[in-house]
Amino acid sequence: MKYLKTLLFELIIIIILTLIITIFYYFNIINSNISSLFKIISFIITFLLSGIYIAKRSNKKYYLEGLIISSINILLFTLLSLAFNNGFNIKQLLYYLLLTFVITFGSILGGNLKKNKN
């Protein structure tokens, strides 16, 4: 259940940040290059917050929780990619490795923040 809540947490943050970026792009406040950069940064922030969120809800081995949630994300993204016939390429592999690193780092960071509060 905590994994489902984490995925929902990610989805809400992604929708909010994407909406903000889209509004800025629509009103010509940012151009397409900066919009693409902000999208990548927003996903990194989302996955970092997701790792912190999952670590605060687990009791031990925070890095394993981060690896589990990143594996679920990778599975979902791969299934969506195959469903829309996008195939699989090296760029996606690098994105998935970045996703795994960021979520695991966030879960370790969240675990340490949790320990420091207690």
N, C-alpha and C. Protein backbone atom coordinates (compact mmCIF):
# COMPACT_ATOMS: atom_id res chain seq x y z
N MET A 1 0.82 -1.20 0.00
CA MET A 1 0.00 0.00 0.00
C MET A 1 0.87 1.26 0.00
N LYS A 2 2.03 1.19 0.72
CA LYS A 2 2.87 2.38 0.75
C LYS A 2 3.49 2.67 -0.61
N TYR A 3 3.67 1.61 -1.42
CA TYR A 3 4.20 1.84 -2.76
C TYR A 3 3.17 2.52 -3.65
N LEU A 4 1.93 2.14 -3.49
CA LEU A 4 0.86 2.77 -4.26
C LEU A 4 0.71 4.24 -3.88
N LYS A 5 0.82 4.53 -2.59
CA LYS A 5 0.76 5.93 -2.15
C LYS A 5 1.94 6.73 -2.69
N THR A 6 3.10 6.09 -2.74
CA THR A 6 4.27 6.78 -3.28
C THR A 6 4.09 7.06 -4.77
N LEU A 7 3.58 6.09 -5.51
CA LEU A 7 3.33 6.31 -6.94
C LEU A 7 2.29 7.40 -7.17
N LEU A 8 1.28 7.45 -6.34
CA LEU A 8 0.27 8.50 -6.43
C LEU A 8 0.89 9.86 -6.10
N PHE A 9 1.74 9.90 -5.09
CA PHE A 9 2.48 11.11 -4.71
C PHE A 9 3.31 11.60 -5.90
N GLU A 10 4.01 10.68 -6.58
CA GLU A 10 4.80 11.04 -7.75
C GLU A 10 3.92 11.61 -8.86
N LEU A 11 2.81 10.94 -9.11
CA LEU A 11 1.92 11.36 -10.17
C LEU A 11 1.38 12.77 -9.94
N ILE A 12 1.00 13.07 -8.71
CA ILE A 12 0.48 14.40 -8.39
C ILE A 12 1.54 15.47 -8.60
N ILE A 13 2.76 15.21 -8.13
CA ILE A 13 3.84 16.19 -8.29
C ILE A 13 4.18 16.37 -9.76
N ILE A 14 4.24 15.27 -10.53
CA ILE A 14 4.55 15.37 -11.96
C ILE A 14 3.49 16.19 -12.69
N ILE A 15 2.23 15.95 -12.37
CA ILE A 15 1.15 16.71 -13.03
C ILE A 15 1.25 18.20 -12.70
N ILE A 16 1.49 18.52 -11.44
CA ILE A 16 1.59 19.93 -11.04
C ILE A 16 2.76 20.62 -11.71
N LEU A 17 3.94 19.99 -11.67
CA LEU A 17 5.12 20.62 -12.27
C LEU A 17 5.01 20.72 -13.79
N THR A 18 4.45 19.69 -14.42
CA THR A 18 4.26 19.74 -15.87
C THR A 18 3.27 20.82 -16.26
N LEU A 19 2.23 20.98 -15.48
CA LEU A 19 1.26 22.03 -15.74
C LEU A 19 1.90 23.42 -15.64
N ILE A 20 2.72 23.63 -14.63
CA ILE A 20 3.41 24.91 -14.47
C ILE A 20 4.33 25.18 -15.65
N ILE A 21 5.11 24.18 -16.05
CA ILE A 21 6.03 24.34 -17.18
C ILE A 21 5.25 24.62 -18.46
N THR A 22 4.14 23.91 -18.66
CA THR A 22 3.32 24.11 -19.85
C THR A 22 2.72 25.51 -19.91
N ILE A 23 2.28 26.01 -18.78
CA ILE A 23 1.73 27.37 -18.75
C ILE A 23 2.80 28.39 -19.09
N PHE A 24 4.00 28.22 -18.53
CA PHE A 24 5.10 29.14 -18.87
C PHE A 24 5.44 29.07 -20.35
N TYR A 25 5.44 27.87 -20.91
CA TYR A 25 5.76 27.71 -22.32
C TYR A 25 4.64 28.30 -23.20
N TYR A 26 3.41 28.11 -22.80
CA TYR A 26 2.27 28.62 -23.57
C TYR A 26 2.29 30.14 -23.68
N PHE A 27 2.64 30.81 -22.60
CA PHE A 27 2.67 32.27 -22.60
C PHE A 27 4.03 32.83 -23.01
N ASN A 28 4.88 32.00 -23.62
CA ASN A 28 6.19 32.39 -24.14
C ASN A 28 7.11 32.98 -23.07
N ILE A 29 6.98 32.54 -21.86
CA ILE A 29 7.89 32.98 -20.81
C ILE A 29 9.20 32.20 -20.93
N ILE A 30 9.10 30.94 -21.35
CA ILE A 30 10.30 30.12 -21.59
C ILE A 30 10.20 29.53 -22.99
N ASN A 31 11.36 29.24 -23.59
CA ASN A 31 11.36 28.63 -24.91
C ASN A 31 11.43 27.11 -24.79
N SER A 32 11.46 26.42 -25.92
CA SER A 32 11.37 24.96 -25.91
C SER A 32 12.60 24.30 -25.29
N ASN A 33 13.79 24.89 -25.47
CA ASN A 33 14.99 24.31 -24.89
C ASN A 33 14.94 24.37 -23.36
N ILE A 34 14.55 25.51 -22.85
CA ILE A 34 14.45 25.66 -21.40
C ILE A 34 13.31 24.80 -20.86
N SER A 35 12.24 24.68 -21.62
CA SER A 35 11.12 23.84 -21.22
C SER A 35 11.56 22.38 -21.08
N SER A 36 12.34 21.89 -22.02
CA SER A 36 12.85 20.51 -21.96
C SER A 36 13.76 20.33 -20.74
N LEU A 37 14.60 21.33 -20.48
CA LEU A 37 15.48 21.27 -19.32
C LEU A 37 14.68 21.26 -18.02
N PHE A 38 13.67 22.10 -17.94
CA PHE A 38 12.82 22.14 -16.74
C PHE A 38 12.05 20.84 -16.55
N LYS A 39 11.66 20.19 -17.63
CA LYS A 39 10.98 18.90 -17.51
C LYS A 39 11.89 17.86 -16.89
N ILE A 40 13.13 17.82 -17.32
CA ILE A 40 14.08 16.87 -16.75
C ILE A 40 14.34 17.19 -15.29
N ILE A 41 14.53 18.46 -14.98
CA ILE A 41 14.76 18.86 -13.60
C ILE A 41 13.55 18.56 -12.73
N SER A 42 12.36 18.76 -13.27
CA SER A 42 11.15 18.48 -12.49
C SER A 42 11.01 16.99 -12.20
N PHE A 43 11.39 16.14 -13.15
CA PHE A 43 11.34 14.70 -12.89
C PHE A 43 12.38 14.30 -11.85
N ILE A 44 13.56 14.91 -11.90
CA ILE A 44 14.59 14.60 -10.89
C ILE A 44 14.10 15.02 -9.51
N ILE A 45 13.52 16.21 -9.39
CA ILE A 45 12.98 16.67 -8.10
C ILE A 45 11.86 15.75 -7.63
N THR A 46 11.00 15.34 -8.56
CA THR A 46 9.90 14.44 -8.20
C THR A 46 10.41 13.12 -7.66
N PHE A 47 11.38 12.54 -8.32
CA PHE A 47 11.89 11.25 -7.88
C PHE A 47 12.70 11.37 -6.59
N LEU A 48 13.38 12.48 -6.39
CA LEU A 48 14.08 12.70 -5.13
C LEU A 48 13.07 12.80 -3.98
N LEU A 49 12.02 13.57 -4.19
CA LEU A 49 10.97 13.67 -3.17
C LEU A 49 10.27 12.34 -2.94
N SER A 50 10.13 11.56 -3.99
CA SER A 50 9.53 10.23 -3.86
C SER A 50 10.39 9.33 -3.00
N GLY A 51 11.70 9.38 -3.18
CA GLY A 51 12.60 8.59 -2.35
C GLY A 51 12.54 9.01 -0.89
N ILE A 52 12.49 10.30 -0.64
CA ILE A 52 12.37 10.80 0.73
C ILE A 52 11.03 10.36 1.32
N TYR A 53 9.98 10.44 0.53
CA TYR A 53 8.63 10.06 0.99
C TYR A 53 8.56 8.59 1.38
N ILE A 54 9.14 7.71 0.56
CA ILE A 54 9.10 6.28 0.86
C ILE A 54 9.97 5.95 2.07
N ALA A 55 11.08 6.66 2.24
CA ALA A 55 11.96 6.38 3.38
C ALA A 55 11.31 6.80 4.70
N LYS A 56 10.56 7.88 4.66
CA LYS A 56 9.91 8.34 5.90
C LYS A 56 8.81 7.38 6.33
N ARG A 57 8.32 6.55 5.43
CA ARG A 57 7.27 5.60 5.76
C ARG A 57 7.78 4.19 5.99
N SER A 58 9.08 3.98 5.89
CA SER A 58 9.64 2.65 6.14
C SER A 58 10.44 2.65 7.43
N ASN A 59 10.70 1.47 7.94
CA ASN A 59 11.35 1.35 9.24
C ASN A 59 12.85 1.12 9.14
N LYS A 60 13.31 0.42 8.11
CA LYS A 60 14.74 0.15 7.98
C LYS A 60 15.06 -0.15 6.52
N LYS A 61 16.34 -0.23 6.24
CA LYS A 61 16.85 -0.50 4.89
C LYS A 61 16.21 0.41 3.85
N TYR A 62 16.46 1.68 4.04
CA TYR A 62 15.85 2.70 3.19
C TYR A 62 16.26 2.57 1.73
N TYR A 63 17.51 2.18 1.49
CA TYR A 63 17.97 2.06 0.12
C TYR A 63 17.23 0.96 -0.62
N LEU A 64 16.84 -0.11 0.08
CA LEU A 64 16.06 -1.17 -0.57
C LEU A 64 14.67 -0.68 -0.95
N GLU A 65 14.09 0.15 -0.09
CA GLU A 65 12.79 0.74 -0.43
C GLU A 65 12.91 1.62 -1.67
N GLY A 66 14.00 2.36 -1.76
CA GLY A 66 14.24 3.19 -2.95
C GLY A 66 14.42 2.35 -4.20
N LEU A 67 15.14 1.23 -4.07
CA LEU A 67 15.33 0.35 -5.22
C LEU A 67 14.01 -0.30 -5.64
N ILE A 68 13.18 -0.65 -4.68
CA ILE A 68 11.89 -1.26 -5.00
C ILE A 68 11.00 -0.26 -5.75
N ILE A 69 10.90 0.95 -5.24
CA ILE A 69 10.03 1.94 -5.89
C ILE A 69 10.59 2.34 -7.26
N SER A 70 11.91 2.39 -7.39
CA SER A 70 12.47 2.71 -8.71
C SER A 70 12.24 1.55 -9.68
N SER A 71 12.28 0.33 -9.20
CA SER A 71 11.99 -0.83 -10.07
C SER A 71 10.54 -0.79 -10.54
N ILE A 72 9.63 -0.43 -9.65
CA ILE A 72 8.23 -0.31 -10.04
C ILE A 72 8.06 0.80 -11.08
N ASN A 73 8.74 1.92 -10.89
CA ASN A 73 8.67 3.02 -11.87
C ASN A 73 9.23 2.59 -13.22
N ILE A 74 10.35 1.89 -13.20
CA ILE A 74 10.97 1.44 -14.45
C ILE A 74 10.03 0.48 -15.17
N LEU A 75 9.41 -0.42 -14.43
CA LEU A 75 8.46 -1.35 -15.03
C LEU A 75 7.28 -0.61 -15.67
N LEU A 76 6.73 0.36 -14.94
CA LEU A 76 5.61 1.14 -15.48
C LEU A 76 6.01 1.93 -16.72
N PHE A 77 7.16 2.58 -16.68
CA PHE A 77 7.61 3.37 -17.82
C PHE A 77 7.91 2.49 -19.03
N THR A 78 8.48 1.31 -18.79
CA THR A 78 8.77 0.39 -19.89
C THR A 78 7.48 -0.11 -20.52
N LEU A 79 6.50 -0.47 -19.69
CA LEU A 79 5.22 -0.92 -20.22
C LEU A 79 4.52 0.18 -21.01
N LEU A 80 4.56 1.42 -20.50
CA LEU A 80 3.96 2.53 -21.24
C LEU A 80 4.69 2.77 -22.55
N SER A 81 6.01 2.67 -22.53
CA SER A 81 6.79 2.88 -23.74
C SER A 81 6.46 1.82 -24.78
N LEU A 82 6.34 0.58 -24.35
CA LEU A 82 6.01 -0.50 -25.29
C LEU A 82 4.55 -0.40 -25.77
N ALA A 83 3.67 0.07 -24.90
CA ALA A 83 2.26 0.21 -25.27
C ALA A 83 2.07 1.27 -26.35
N PHE A 84 2.89 2.31 -26.33
CA PHE A 84 2.79 3.37 -27.32
C PHE A 84 3.78 3.18 -28.47
N ASN A 85 4.35 1.98 -28.58
CA ASN A 85 5.25 1.59 -29.67
C ASN A 85 6.46 2.51 -29.81
N ASN A 86 6.99 2.97 -28.69
CA ASN A 86 8.19 3.81 -28.74
C ASN A 86 9.47 2.98 -28.77
N GLY A 87 9.36 1.70 -28.46
CA GLY A 87 10.55 0.86 -28.46
C GLY A 87 11.41 1.12 -27.24
N PHE A 88 12.66 0.72 -27.36
CA PHE A 88 13.61 0.88 -26.25
C PHE A 88 14.94 1.29 -26.85
N ASN A 89 15.57 2.32 -26.28
CA ASN A 89 16.86 2.77 -26.79
C ASN A 89 17.79 3.12 -25.64
N ILE A 90 19.00 3.51 -25.96
CA ILE A 90 20.02 3.79 -24.96
C ILE A 90 19.67 5.01 -24.12
N LYS A 91 18.97 5.96 -24.71
CA LYS A 91 18.56 7.17 -23.98
C LYS A 91 17.62 6.80 -22.83
N GLN A 92 16.70 5.88 -23.08
CA GLN A 92 15.81 5.43 -22.03
C GLN A 92 16.57 4.68 -20.94
N LEU A 93 17.54 3.89 -21.33
CA LEU A 93 18.35 3.16 -20.35
C LEU A 93 19.07 4.13 -19.42
N LEU A 94 19.65 5.18 -19.98
CA LEU A 94 20.30 6.19 -19.15
C LEU A 94 19.30 6.90 -18.24
N TYR A 95 18.11 7.16 -18.75
CA TYR A 95 17.06 7.79 -17.95
C TYR A 95 16.67 6.89 -16.79
N TYR A 96 16.55 5.59 -17.04
CA TYR A 96 16.18 4.65 -15.99
C TYR A 96 17.28 4.51 -14.94
N LEU A 97 18.53 4.56 -15.37
CA LEU A 97 19.64 4.53 -14.41
C LEU A 97 19.64 5.78 -13.54
N LEU A 98 19.38 6.93 -14.15
CA LEU A 98 19.27 8.17 -13.40
C LEU A 98 18.12 8.11 -12.42
N LEU A 99 16.99 7.57 -12.87
CA LEU A 99 15.82 7.41 -12.01
C LEU A 99 16.16 6.54 -10.79
N THR A 100 16.82 5.42 -11.02
CA THR A 100 17.19 4.52 -9.93
C THR A 100 18.13 5.21 -8.95
N PHE A 101 19.12 5.92 -9.48
CA PHE A 101 20.08 6.61 -8.61
C PHE A 101 19.39 7.69 -7.78
N VAL A 102 18.54 8.49 -8.40
CA VAL A 102 17.91 9.61 -7.70
C VAL A 102 16.95 9.11 -6.62
N ILE A 103 16.13 8.10 -6.94
CA ILE A 103 15.18 7.59 -5.95
C ILE A 103 15.93 6.93 -4.79
N THR A 104 16.97 6.16 -5.10
CA THR A 104 17.75 5.51 -4.03
C THR A 104 18.45 6.55 -3.17
N PHE A 105 19.02 7.57 -3.80
CA PHE A 105 19.66 8.64 -3.04
C PHE A 105 18.64 9.37 -2.16
N GLY A 106 17.45 9.62 -2.72
CA GLY A 106 16.39 10.27 -1.94
C GLY A 106 15.95 9.43 -0.77
N SER A 107 15.88 8.12 -0.96
CA SER A 107 15.47 7.25 0.15
C SER A 107 16.54 7.21 1.24
N ILE A 108 17.79 7.20 0.86
CA ILE A 108 18.87 7.25 1.86
C ILE A 108 18.84 8.59 2.59
N LEU A 109 18.65 9.67 1.85
CA LEU A 109 18.55 11.00 2.45
C LEU A 109 17.35 11.08 3.39
N GLY A 110 16.21 10.56 2.95
CA GLY A 110 15.01 10.56 3.80
C GLY A 110 15.19 9.73 5.06
N GLY A 111 15.89 8.60 4.94
CA GLY A 111 16.18 7.78 6.12
C GLY A 111 17.06 8.49 7.11
N ASN A 112 18.05 9.21 6.61
CA ASN A 112 18.92 9.97 7.50
C ASN A 112 18.18 11.14 8.15
N LEU A 113 17.30 11.78 7.41
CA LEU A 113 16.50 12.86 8.00
C LEU A 113 15.57 12.32 9.08
N LYS A 114 15.06 11.13 8.84
CA LYS A 114 14.17 10.50 9.81
C LYS A 114 14.94 10.14 11.09
N LYS A 115 16.15 9.64 10.92
CA LYS A 115 16.98 9.28 12.08
C LYS A 115 17.35 10.52 12.89
N ASN A 116 17.65 11.62 12.21
CA ASN A 116 18.05 12.84 12.91
C ASN A 116 16.90 13.46 13.69
N LYS A 117 15.66 13.27 13.25
CA LYS A 117 14.52 13.81 13.97
C LYS A 117 14.28 13.05 15.27
N ASN A 118 14.58 11.75 15.24
CA ASN A 118 14.34 10.93 16.46
C ASN A 118 15.46 11.08 17.40
